[in-house]
Amino acid sequence: MSSIRGVRFQNLDNNDYTLYDILKPLNIELYDWRLSYINIYGEGWEFDQPCIMKGKELLDLLETGYTHAIFGEFIGYKSKANLNDIDTYEEFLNSHAEVIFLLVDGGYFDAYIKDIEITNHYFTIIKQLDLNPELIDEDDSRTRLTVS
């Protein structure tokens, strides 16, 4: 098992990139998503409780239906088996989830990814966007994988 957990970066001053630009490289259409703690302004983003969404639906909504993102917790599963909430990295490792993407305060991003090849690819894409990514390793100070 790799000691690399994912990718962390910020997009505080660069309004050229949208959440669509940031999430699309994760091939979000390949997953079913559990969305929680969503605070995104725009049409179609009125969630007052967690919801499940197919990847294509999420991709379409990101492409056309939002203006500003503040908070969000996106958990991607390859199958609809057990789409439960996940609070810790240990729970993530033992779950059917493949990706956890956290957005905090409109510009801080953490992407926890089980597959190291996807992690490396995502790191490269985020670096090409000049968002100064860092790899998240086992020394990660985050104890909970949630934005709540």
N, C-alpha and C. Protein backbone atom coordinates (compact mmCIF):
# COMPACT_ATOMS: atom_id res chain seq x y z
N MET A 1 0.85 -1.19 0.00
CA MET A 1 0.00 0.00 0.00
C MET A 1 0.89 1.24 0.00
N SER A 2 0.59 2.16 -0.86
CA SER A 2 1.35 3.39 -0.98
C SER A 2 1.10 4.30 0.22
N SER A 3 2.12 5.08 0.57
CA SER A 3 1.95 6.04 1.66
C SER A 3 1.33 7.35 1.16
N ILE A 4 1.17 7.47 -0.15
CA ILE A 4 0.54 8.66 -0.72
C ILE A 4 -0.97 8.50 -0.64
N ARG A 5 -1.64 9.51 -0.07
CA ARG A 5 -3.09 9.46 0.12
C ARG A 5 -3.86 10.25 -0.92
N GLY A 6 -3.24 11.30 -1.47
CA GLY A 6 -3.98 12.13 -2.42
C GLY A 6 -3.24 13.41 -2.75
N VAL A 7 -4.03 14.43 -3.12
CA VAL A 7 -3.49 15.70 -3.61
C VAL A 7 -4.19 16.85 -2.89
N ARG A 8 -3.40 17.82 -2.46
CA ARG A 8 -3.93 19.02 -1.78
C ARG A 8 -3.46 20.25 -2.56
N PHE A 9 -4.38 21.20 -2.73
CA PHE A 9 -4.01 22.44 -3.43
C PHE A 9 -4.99 23.54 -3.08
N GLN A 10 -4.66 24.75 -3.52
CA GLN A 10 -5.51 25.91 -3.29
C GLN A 10 -5.80 26.59 -4.61
N ASN A 11 -6.96 27.19 -4.69
CA ASN A 11 -7.33 28.01 -5.85
C ASN A 11 -8.00 29.28 -5.30
N LEU A 12 -7.21 30.08 -4.58
CA LEU A 12 -7.77 31.25 -3.91
C LEU A 12 -7.80 32.48 -4.80
N ASP A 13 -6.78 32.65 -5.60
CA ASP A 13 -6.66 33.88 -6.39
C ASP A 13 -6.92 33.68 -7.87
N ASN A 14 -7.15 32.45 -8.28
CA ASN A 14 -7.28 32.17 -9.70
C ASN A 14 -8.71 31.82 -10.04
N ASN A 15 -9.45 32.79 -10.51
CA ASN A 15 -10.85 32.56 -10.86
C ASN A 15 -11.02 32.01 -12.27
N ASP A 16 -9.91 31.70 -12.94
CA ASP A 16 -9.99 31.13 -14.29
C ASP A 16 -10.49 29.69 -14.27
N TYR A 17 -10.32 29.00 -13.13
CA TYR A 17 -10.69 27.60 -13.05
C TYR A 17 -11.94 27.40 -12.22
N THR A 18 -12.85 26.64 -12.76
CA THR A 18 -14.10 26.34 -12.07
C THR A 18 -13.99 24.98 -11.41
N LEU A 19 -14.97 24.65 -10.62
CA LEU A 19 -15.04 23.33 -10.00
C LEU A 19 -15.10 22.25 -11.08
N TYR A 20 -15.73 22.55 -12.19
CA TYR A 20 -15.76 21.63 -13.33
C TYR A 20 -14.33 21.34 -13.80
N ASP A 21 -13.53 22.37 -13.98
CA ASP A 21 -12.14 22.21 -14.43
C ASP A 21 -11.33 21.38 -13.44
N ILE A 22 -11.62 21.55 -12.17
CA ILE A 22 -10.85 20.89 -11.11
C ILE A 22 -11.27 19.44 -10.91
N LEU A 23 -12.55 19.14 -11.06
CA LEU A 23 -13.03 17.77 -10.84
C LEU A 23 -12.99 16.89 -12.09
N LYS A 24 -13.14 17.48 -13.27
CA LYS A 24 -13.20 16.69 -14.50
C LYS A 24 -12.01 15.75 -14.70
N PRO A 25 -10.78 16.16 -14.36
CA PRO A 25 -9.64 15.24 -14.54
C PRO A 25 -9.73 13.96 -13.71
N LEU A 26 -10.61 13.93 -12.72
CA LEU A 26 -10.80 12.71 -11.92
C LEU A 26 -11.73 11.72 -12.62
N ASN A 27 -12.15 12.05 -13.86
CA ASN A 27 -13.09 11.19 -14.60
C ASN A 27 -14.34 10.92 -13.77
N ILE A 28 -14.94 11.98 -13.29
CA ILE A 28 -16.06 11.86 -12.37
C ILE A 28 -17.26 11.12 -12.95
N GLU A 29 -17.33 11.05 -14.28
CA GLU A 29 -18.46 10.36 -14.89
C GLU A 29 -18.39 8.85 -14.67
N LEU A 30 -17.26 8.33 -14.22
CA LEU A 30 -17.10 6.90 -13.98
C LEU A 30 -17.63 6.44 -12.62
N TYR A 31 -18.03 7.39 -11.78
CA TYR A 31 -18.43 7.07 -10.41
C TYR A 31 -19.88 7.46 -10.14
N ASP A 32 -20.42 6.86 -9.10
CA ASP A 32 -21.63 7.36 -8.46
C ASP A 32 -21.14 8.20 -7.29
N TRP A 33 -21.83 9.32 -7.03
CA TRP A 33 -21.33 10.28 -6.04
C TRP A 33 -22.31 10.48 -4.91
N ARG A 34 -21.78 10.54 -3.72
CA ARG A 34 -22.53 10.95 -2.54
C ARG A 34 -22.07 12.36 -2.22
N LEU A 35 -22.98 13.31 -2.30
CA LEU A 35 -22.67 14.72 -2.06
C LEU A 35 -23.23 15.11 -0.70
N SER A 36 -22.40 15.75 0.11
CA SER A 36 -22.79 16.19 1.44
C SER A 36 -22.23 17.58 1.70
N TYR A 37 -22.87 18.29 2.63
CA TYR A 37 -22.41 19.60 3.07
C TYR A 37 -22.17 20.55 1.89
N ILE A 38 -23.06 20.48 0.93
CA ILE A 38 -22.90 21.27 -0.28
C ILE A 38 -23.33 22.72 -0.02
N ASN A 39 -22.44 23.64 -0.32
CA ASN A 39 -22.75 25.06 -0.29
C ASN A 39 -22.22 25.64 -1.59
N ILE A 40 -23.02 25.47 -2.62
CA ILE A 40 -22.67 25.92 -3.96
C ILE A 40 -23.82 26.74 -4.49
N TYR A 41 -23.51 27.93 -5.01
CA TYR A 41 -24.54 28.79 -5.54
C TYR A 41 -24.76 28.49 -7.02
N GLY A 42 -26.01 28.31 -7.39
CA GLY A 42 -26.33 28.07 -8.78
C GLY A 42 -27.54 27.16 -8.92
N GLU A 43 -28.04 27.09 -10.13
CA GLU A 43 -29.23 26.30 -10.43
C GLU A 43 -28.93 24.81 -10.30
N GLY A 44 -29.78 24.11 -9.55
CA GLY A 44 -29.64 22.67 -9.38
C GLY A 44 -28.86 22.25 -8.15
N TRP A 45 -28.34 23.20 -7.38
CA TRP A 45 -27.51 22.88 -6.23
C TRP A 45 -28.23 23.06 -4.90
N GLU A 46 -29.53 22.93 -4.88
CA GLU A 46 -30.29 23.13 -3.65
C GLU A 46 -30.42 21.82 -2.89
N PHE A 47 -29.40 21.46 -2.12
CA PHE A 47 -29.40 20.23 -1.32
C PHE A 47 -29.42 20.59 0.15
N ASP A 48 -30.41 20.12 0.88
CA ASP A 48 -30.42 20.36 2.32
C ASP A 48 -30.04 19.09 3.09
N GLN A 49 -29.74 18.03 2.37
CA GLN A 49 -29.27 16.78 2.97
C GLN A 49 -28.42 16.06 1.94
N PRO A 50 -27.65 15.06 2.37
CA PRO A 50 -26.82 14.34 1.40
C PRO A 50 -27.66 13.75 0.26
N CYS A 51 -27.08 13.68 -0.92
CA CYS A 51 -27.77 13.10 -2.06
C CYS A 51 -26.82 12.22 -2.85
N ILE A 52 -27.39 11.33 -3.66
CA ILE A 52 -26.64 10.45 -4.53
C ILE A 52 -26.87 10.92 -5.96
N MET A 53 -25.78 10.95 -6.73
CA MET A 53 -25.87 11.44 -8.10
C MET A 53 -24.95 10.61 -8.99
N LYS A 54 -25.41 10.29 -10.17
CA LYS A 54 -24.56 9.61 -11.16
C LYS A 54 -23.49 10.59 -11.64
N GLY A 55 -22.36 10.06 -12.04
CA GLY A 55 -21.24 10.88 -12.47
C GLY A 55 -21.56 11.80 -13.63
N LYS A 56 -22.30 11.31 -14.61
CA LYS A 56 -22.66 12.14 -15.77
C LYS A 56 -23.55 13.31 -15.35
N GLU A 57 -24.48 13.04 -14.42
CA GLU A 57 -25.34 14.11 -13.88
C GLU A 57 -24.49 15.18 -13.20
N LEU A 58 -23.55 14.74 -12.38
CA LEU A 58 -22.69 15.69 -11.67
C LEU A 58 -21.84 16.48 -12.66
N LEU A 59 -21.29 15.81 -13.64
CA LEU A 59 -20.49 16.48 -14.66
C LEU A 59 -21.30 17.55 -15.38
N ASP A 60 -22.53 17.21 -15.79
CA ASP A 60 -23.40 18.18 -16.47
C ASP A 60 -23.74 19.36 -15.56
N LEU A 61 -24.04 19.07 -14.30
CA LEU A 61 -24.38 20.13 -13.35
C LEU A 61 -23.19 21.05 -13.11
N LEU A 62 -22.00 20.48 -13.00
CA LEU A 62 -20.80 21.29 -12.81
C LEU A 62 -20.51 22.16 -14.03
N GLU A 63 -20.79 21.63 -15.21
CA GLU A 63 -20.48 22.35 -16.44
C GLU A 63 -21.41 23.54 -16.66
N THR A 64 -22.65 23.41 -16.21
CA THR A 64 -23.63 24.45 -16.56
C THR A 64 -24.35 25.09 -15.39
N GLY A 65 -24.32 24.49 -14.20
CA GLY A 65 -25.27 24.93 -13.19
C GLY A 65 -24.75 25.55 -11.93
N TYR A 66 -23.58 26.19 -11.95
CA TYR A 66 -23.19 26.83 -10.70
C TYR A 66 -22.38 28.09 -10.98
N THR A 67 -22.39 28.98 -10.01
CA THR A 67 -21.66 30.22 -10.14
C THR A 67 -20.51 30.33 -9.15
N HIS A 68 -20.70 29.80 -7.94
CA HIS A 68 -19.66 29.92 -6.93
C HIS A 68 -19.76 28.76 -5.94
N ALA A 69 -18.64 28.13 -5.64
CA ALA A 69 -18.60 27.00 -4.71
C ALA A 69 -17.88 27.39 -3.43
N ILE A 70 -18.49 27.10 -2.28
CA ILE A 70 -17.91 27.43 -0.99
C ILE A 70 -17.44 26.16 -0.26
N PHE A 71 -18.35 25.21 -0.08
CA PHE A 71 -18.06 23.96 0.62
C PHE A 71 -18.64 22.80 -0.16
N GLY A 72 -18.03 21.65 -0.01
CA GLY A 72 -18.60 20.44 -0.58
C GLY A 72 -17.79 19.22 -0.22
N GLU A 73 -18.50 18.13 -0.06
CA GLU A 73 -17.90 16.84 0.21
C GLU A 73 -18.43 15.89 -0.85
N PHE A 74 -17.54 15.38 -1.69
CA PHE A 74 -17.91 14.54 -2.82
C PHE A 74 -17.22 13.18 -2.63
N ILE A 75 -18.00 12.12 -2.50
CA ILE A 75 -17.43 10.78 -2.33
C ILE A 75 -17.82 9.95 -3.55
N GLY A 76 -16.81 9.48 -4.29
CA GLY A 76 -17.03 8.74 -5.52
C GLY A 76 -16.88 7.24 -5.33
N TYR A 77 -17.90 6.49 -5.79
CA TYR A 77 -17.94 5.04 -5.69
C TYR A 77 -18.04 4.46 -7.09
N LYS A 78 -17.36 3.33 -7.32
CA LYS A 78 -17.46 2.65 -8.61
C LYS A 78 -18.78 1.91 -8.76
N SER A 79 -19.39 1.55 -7.66
CA SER A 79 -20.69 0.88 -7.71
C SER A 79 -21.57 1.47 -6.61
N LYS A 80 -22.85 1.20 -6.70
CA LYS A 80 -23.77 1.77 -5.71
C LYS A 80 -23.78 0.99 -4.40
N ALA A 81 -22.88 0.04 -4.27
CA ALA A 81 -22.81 -0.74 -3.04
C ALA A 81 -22.36 0.15 -1.89
N ASN A 82 -23.19 0.28 -0.89
CA ASN A 82 -22.83 0.94 0.36
C ASN A 82 -22.30 2.36 0.17
N LEU A 83 -23.16 3.27 -0.21
CA LEU A 83 -22.78 4.67 -0.42
C LEU A 83 -22.90 5.47 0.89
N ASN A 84 -22.28 4.97 1.92
CA ASN A 84 -22.37 5.60 3.23
C ASN A 84 -21.39 6.76 3.35
N ASP A 85 -21.64 7.58 4.36
CA ASP A 85 -20.74 8.67 4.67
C ASP A 85 -19.46 8.09 5.24
N ILE A 86 -18.36 8.79 5.05
CA ILE A 86 -17.04 8.35 5.52
C ILE A 86 -16.44 9.50 6.30
N ASP A 87 -15.97 9.19 7.52
CA ASP A 87 -15.41 10.24 8.36
C ASP A 87 -13.90 10.22 8.50
N THR A 88 -13.27 9.05 8.37
CA THR A 88 -11.83 8.95 8.60
C THR A 88 -11.14 8.29 7.40
N TYR A 89 -9.83 8.44 7.35
CA TYR A 89 -9.08 7.82 6.27
C TYR A 89 -9.18 6.29 6.36
N GLU A 90 -9.15 5.77 7.56
CA GLU A 90 -9.29 4.31 7.77
C GLU A 90 -10.64 3.82 7.21
N GLU A 91 -11.71 4.55 7.48
CA GLU A 91 -13.02 4.19 6.93
C GLU A 91 -12.99 4.24 5.40
N PHE A 92 -12.31 5.23 4.85
CA PHE A 92 -12.17 5.35 3.40
C PHE A 92 -11.48 4.11 2.82
N LEU A 93 -10.35 3.72 3.43
CA LEU A 93 -9.62 2.55 2.94
C LEU A 93 -10.46 1.28 2.97
N ASN A 94 -11.32 1.16 3.96
CA ASN A 94 -12.14 -0.05 4.13
C ASN A 94 -13.50 0.05 3.45
N SER A 95 -13.72 1.09 2.68
CA SER A 95 -15.01 1.31 2.02
C SER A 95 -14.93 0.95 0.54
N HIS A 96 -16.06 1.06 -0.15
CA HIS A 96 -16.12 0.87 -1.60
C HIS A 96 -15.82 2.17 -2.34
N ALA A 97 -15.60 3.24 -1.60
CA ALA A 97 -15.30 4.54 -2.22
C ALA A 97 -13.92 4.50 -2.86
N GLU A 98 -13.78 5.23 -3.96
CA GLU A 98 -12.49 5.32 -4.66
C GLU A 98 -11.86 6.70 -4.51
N VAL A 99 -12.71 7.72 -4.33
CA VAL A 99 -12.25 9.12 -4.29
C VAL A 99 -13.07 9.87 -3.25
N ILE A 100 -12.41 10.70 -2.47
CA ILE A 100 -13.10 11.69 -1.63
C ILE A 100 -12.52 13.04 -1.99
N PHE A 101 -13.39 13.96 -2.39
CA PHE A 101 -12.96 15.29 -2.77
C PHE A 101 -13.61 16.28 -1.81
N LEU A 102 -12.78 17.08 -1.14
CA LEU A 102 -13.26 18.04 -0.15
C LEU A 102 -12.93 19.46 -0.61
N LEU A 103 -13.93 20.32 -0.54
CA LEU A 103 -13.78 21.74 -0.86
C LEU A 103 -14.13 22.52 0.40
N VAL A 104 -13.22 23.40 0.83
CA VAL A 104 -13.43 24.19 2.04
C VAL A 104 -13.15 25.65 1.75
N ASP A 105 -14.01 26.51 2.25
CA ASP A 105 -13.82 27.98 2.16
C ASP A 105 -13.58 28.49 0.75
N GLY A 106 -14.17 27.83 -0.22
CA GLY A 106 -14.15 28.31 -1.59
C GLY A 106 -12.85 28.18 -2.34
N GLY A 107 -11.78 27.66 -1.71
CA GLY A 107 -10.53 27.60 -2.44
C GLY A 107 -9.52 26.59 -1.94
N TYR A 108 -9.85 25.84 -0.90
CA TYR A 108 -8.94 24.83 -0.38
C TYR A 108 -9.49 23.45 -0.78
N PHE A 109 -8.64 22.66 -1.43
CA PHE A 109 -9.08 21.38 -1.99
C PHE A 109 -8.20 20.24 -1.50
N ASP A 110 -8.84 19.15 -1.10
CA ASP A 110 -8.16 17.89 -0.79
C ASP A 110 -8.83 16.80 -1.59
N ALA A 111 -8.04 16.04 -2.32
CA ALA A 111 -8.56 14.89 -3.07
C ALA A 111 -7.86 13.65 -2.55
N TYR A 112 -8.60 12.79 -1.86
CA TYR A 112 -8.08 11.51 -1.39
C TYR A 112 -8.45 10.46 -2.42
N ILE A 113 -7.44 9.74 -2.92
CA ILE A 113 -7.64 8.84 -4.05
C ILE A 113 -6.93 7.52 -3.74
N LYS A 114 -7.65 6.40 -3.87
CA LYS A 114 -7.05 5.10 -3.57
C LYS A 114 -6.03 4.66 -4.61
N ASP A 115 -6.27 4.92 -5.86
CA ASP A 115 -5.41 4.45 -6.95
C ASP A 115 -4.24 5.41 -7.15
N ILE A 116 -3.01 4.94 -6.94
CA ILE A 116 -1.83 5.80 -7.04
C ILE A 116 -1.63 6.34 -8.45
N GLU A 117 -2.00 5.58 -9.48
CA GLU A 117 -1.87 6.08 -10.85
C GLU A 117 -2.81 7.26 -11.09
N ILE A 118 -4.02 7.18 -10.58
CA ILE A 118 -4.96 8.29 -10.70
C ILE A 118 -4.45 9.48 -9.90
N THR A 119 -3.90 9.21 -8.72
CA THR A 119 -3.33 10.28 -7.90
C THR A 119 -2.23 11.01 -8.65
N ASN A 120 -1.31 10.27 -9.23
CA ASN A 120 -0.20 10.88 -9.97
C ASN A 120 -0.69 11.67 -11.18
N HIS A 121 -1.67 11.11 -11.89
CA HIS A 121 -2.24 11.82 -13.05
C HIS A 121 -2.92 13.12 -12.60
N TYR A 122 -3.69 13.03 -11.54
CA TYR A 122 -4.40 14.21 -11.03
C TYR A 122 -3.39 15.27 -10.57
N PHE A 123 -2.35 14.85 -9.89
CA PHE A 123 -1.31 15.78 -9.45
C PHE A 123 -0.71 16.52 -10.66
N THR A 124 -0.43 15.79 -11.72
CA THR A 124 0.14 16.38 -12.94
C THR A 124 -0.81 17.41 -13.55
N ILE A 125 -2.09 17.06 -13.63
CA ILE A 125 -3.08 17.99 -14.20
C ILE A 125 -3.18 19.26 -13.36
N ILE A 126 -3.27 19.11 -12.06
CA ILE A 126 -3.39 20.28 -11.17
C ILE A 126 -2.12 21.13 -11.25
N LYS A 127 -0.97 20.49 -11.40
CA LYS A 127 0.29 21.23 -11.56
C LYS A 127 0.28 22.01 -12.87
N GLN A 128 -0.26 21.41 -13.94
CA GLN A 128 -0.36 22.10 -15.23
C GLN A 128 -1.28 23.32 -15.15
N LEU A 129 -2.22 23.29 -14.22
CA LEU A 129 -3.12 24.44 -14.00
C LEU A 129 -2.46 25.50 -13.11
N ASP A 130 -1.21 25.28 -12.73
CA ASP A 130 -0.46 26.20 -11.85
C ASP A 130 -1.13 26.42 -10.50
N LEU A 131 -1.68 25.34 -9.93
CA LEU A 131 -2.34 25.43 -8.64
C LEU A 131 -1.47 24.89 -7.50
N ASN A 132 -0.18 24.68 -7.79
CA ASN A 132 0.81 24.28 -6.78
C ASN A 132 0.35 23.14 -5.88
N PRO A 133 0.09 21.99 -6.46
CA PRO A 133 -0.38 20.86 -5.65
C PRO A 133 0.72 20.28 -4.76
N GLU A 134 0.28 19.66 -3.68
CA GLU A 134 1.16 18.90 -2.80
C GLU A 134 0.56 17.50 -2.69
N LEU A 135 1.43 16.52 -2.57
CA LEU A 135 0.94 15.17 -2.32
C LEU A 135 0.62 15.05 -0.84
N ILE A 136 -0.50 14.42 -0.54
CA ILE A 136 -0.89 14.14 0.84
C ILE A 136 -0.30 12.78 1.18
N ASP A 137 0.47 12.71 2.27
CA ASP A 137 1.05 11.43 2.65
C ASP A 137 0.55 11.02 4.03
N GLU A 138 1.20 10.00 4.60
CA GLU A 138 0.73 9.47 5.89
C GLU A 138 0.92 10.45 7.04
N ASP A 139 1.67 11.52 6.84
CA ASP A 139 1.84 12.55 7.86
C ASP A 139 0.75 13.62 7.79
N ASP A 140 -0.31 13.33 7.05
CA ASP A 140 -1.43 14.24 6.88
C ASP A 140 -1.98 14.66 8.25
N SER A 141 -2.15 15.96 8.43
CA SER A 141 -2.67 16.46 9.71
C SER A 141 -4.20 16.35 9.81
N ARG A 142 -4.86 16.12 8.69
CA ARG A 142 -6.32 16.00 8.71
C ARG A 142 -6.70 14.68 9.38
N THR A 143 -7.52 14.75 10.40
CA THR A 143 -7.95 13.53 11.09
C THR A 143 -9.31 13.05 10.63
N ARG A 144 -10.10 13.94 10.05
CA ARG A 144 -11.43 13.57 9.55
C ARG A 144 -11.53 13.99 8.08
N LEU A 145 -12.13 13.14 7.28
CA LEU A 145 -12.32 13.42 5.86
C LEU A 145 -13.71 14.00 5.64
N THR A 146 -13.92 15.15 6.21
CA THR A 146 -15.22 15.80 6.11
C THR A 146 -15.03 17.31 6.18
N VAL A 147 -16.01 18.04 5.67
CA VAL A 147 -15.96 19.50 5.75
C VAL A 147 -16.87 20.03 6.84
N SER A 148 -17.56 19.14 7.52
CA SER A 148 -18.50 19.57 8.58
C SER A 148 -17.77 19.95 9.84
